[in-house]
Protein backbone atom coordinates (compact mmCIF):
# COMPACT_ATOMS: atom_id res chain seq x y z
CA MET A 1 0.00 0.00 0.00
CA SER A 2 2.90 2.35 0.58
CA GLU A 3 3.70 1.94 -3.08
CA ARG A 4 0.26 3.24 -3.93
CA VAL A 5 0.72 6.31 -1.70
CA ASP A 6 3.96 7.16 -3.42
CA LYS A 7 2.25 7.02 -6.82
CA SER A 8 -0.46 9.30 -5.51
CA LYS A 9 2.09 11.83 -4.27
CA ILE A 10 3.88 11.67 -7.61
CA TYR A 11 0.61 12.39 -9.44
CA GLU A 12 -0.19 15.32 -7.11
CA ARG A 13 3.28 16.72 -7.56
CA PHE A 14 3.03 16.32 -11.35
CA THR A 15 -0.33 18.13 -11.32
CA ARG A 16 1.14 20.95 -9.21
CA VAL A 17 4.19 21.34 -11.50
CA THR A 18 1.90 21.31 -14.56
CA LYS A 19 -0.20 24.12 -13.03
CA GLN A 20 2.92 26.13 -12.14
CA THR A 21 4.22 25.68 -15.69
CA LYS A 22 0.91 26.82 -17.14
CA ASP A 23 0.91 29.87 -14.82
CA LEU A 24 4.48 30.65 -15.88
CA VAL A 25 3.55 30.43 -19.58
CA ASP A 26 0.55 32.73 -18.96
CA SER A 27 2.81 35.23 -17.20
CA MET A 28 5.31 35.10 -20.05
CA GLU A 29 2.56 35.71 -22.62
CA GLU A 30 1.33 38.69 -20.59
CA LEU A 31 4.87 40.08 -20.37
CA GLN A 32 5.32 39.56 -24.10
CA SER A 33 2.18 41.53 -24.93
CA MET A 34 3.25 44.30 -22.52
CA MET A 35 6.71 44.39 -24.11
CA THR A 36 5.19 44.53 -27.59
CA ALA A 37 3.04 47.50 -26.54
CA VAL A 38 6.06 49.31 -25.09
CA LEU A 39 8.15 48.67 -28.21
CA GLU A 40 5.33 49.91 -30.47
CA GLU A 41 4.96 53.06 -28.38
CA ASN A 42 8.73 53.58 -28.46
CA ALA A 43 8.77 53.26 -32.25
CA GLU A 44 5.88 55.75 -32.58
CA LEU A 45 7.58 58.22 -30.25
CA SER A 46 10.88 57.88 -32.12
CA ILE A 47 9.13 58.65 -35.41
CA GLU A 48 7.27 61.59 -33.86
CA ASN A 49 10.48 62.89 -32.29
CA GLU A 50 12.29 62.76 -35.62
CA HIS A 51 9.37 64.54 -37.29
CA LEU A 52 9.45 67.28 -34.64
CA HIS A 53 13.21 67.70 -35.08
CA GLN A 54 12.71 68.11 -38.82
CA MET A 55 9.93 70.66 -38.26
CA LEU A 56 12.09 72.63 -35.80
CA LYS A 57 15.02 72.60 -38.19
CA GLN A 58 12.81 73.76 -41.04
CA LYS A 59 11.25 76.49 -38.90
CA HIS A 60 14.69 77.64 -37.75
CA GLN A 61 15.90 77.78 -41.36
CA GLN A 62 12.86 79.84 -42.36
CA ALA A 63 13.25 82.13 -39.35
CA THR A 64 16.90 82.81 -40.06
CA LYS A 65 16.48 83.08 -43.85
CA ASP A 66 16.44 86.88 -43.57
CA GLY A 67 18.95 86.77 -40.74
CA LEU A 68 16.42 87.46 -38.00
CA THR A 69 14.80 85.13 -35.53
CA ASP A 70 11.19 85.63 -34.50
CA SER A 71 12.23 87.48 -31.34
CA ARG A 72 14.49 89.81 -33.31
CA ARG A 73 11.69 90.45 -35.82
CA ASN A 74 9.49 91.47 -32.88
CA LEU A 75 12.19 93.88 -31.70
CA GLN A 76 12.48 95.24 -35.24
CA LYS A 77 8.73 95.83 -35.38
CA LEU A 78 8.77 97.68 -32.04
CA TYR A 79 11.72 99.78 -33.21
CA GLN A 80 9.95 100.64 -36.48
CA GLU A 81 6.92 101.72 -34.44
CA GLY A 82 9.16 104.24 -32.67
CA PHE A 83 10.25 102.53 -29.46
CA HIS A 84 13.69 101.76 -28.09
CA VAL A 85 14.49 98.05 -27.84
CA CYS A 86 17.96 98.39 -26.35
CA ASN A 87 18.76 97.62 -22.72
CA GLU A 88 19.53 101.25 -21.95
CA TYR A 89 16.25 102.85 -23.07
CA TYR A 90 13.89 99.92 -23.60
CA GLY A 91 10.27 101.01 -24.09
CA LYS A 92 10.99 104.73 -24.33
CA ARG A 93 9.89 106.56 -27.46
CA LEU A 94 12.44 107.43 -30.11
CA ASP A 95 12.55 111.02 -31.23
CA GLU A 96 11.13 111.51 -34.72
CA ASP A 97 13.63 110.56 -37.44
CA ASP A 98 16.04 109.43 -34.72
CA SER A 99 17.97 106.18 -34.65
CA CYS A 100 19.74 104.33 -31.86
CA ALA A 101 22.92 102.33 -32.42
CA PHE A 102 22.20 100.23 -29.32
CA CYS A 103 18.76 99.28 -30.65
CA LEU A 104 20.18 98.43 -34.06
CA ASP A 105 22.81 96.25 -32.39
CA ALA A 106 20.11 94.50 -30.33
CA ILE A 107 18.15 93.76 -33.50
CA TYR A 108 20.86 93.06 -36.08
CA GLY A 109 23.91 92.29 -33.94
CA ARG A 110 25.34 88.78 -34.09
CA HIS A 111 26.93 88.57 -30.64
CA ASP A 112 24.18 86.45 -29.08
CA GLN A 113 23.37 84.20 -32.02
CA PRO A 114 23.61 80.48 -31.22
CA GLN A 115 26.71 78.79 -32.58
CA LYS A 116 26.19 76.06 -35.19
């Protein structure tokens, strides 16, 4: 009869190991689907990132085509409307038919342009 008990324990152990193996396979399948989702998202984000870099580069090229960035164009517009844009007199009105070398340097100067 002890032989029969051993066979019973073997069967129970086999059943338990089979269940553990099935649980492990289920966990691996779940991890695989999660990994696939992460890799797909990573690929989408990489493509979007590259697209944004291209757009920024194109926008920068357009902005600097005339030598002025958007911020410098805004300063130029303010200056043409008769206001100082230099650090010294910023916001004060220019006298009629007057010009300011500091303002012109702030608009057209190259000292603070980013290096390529």
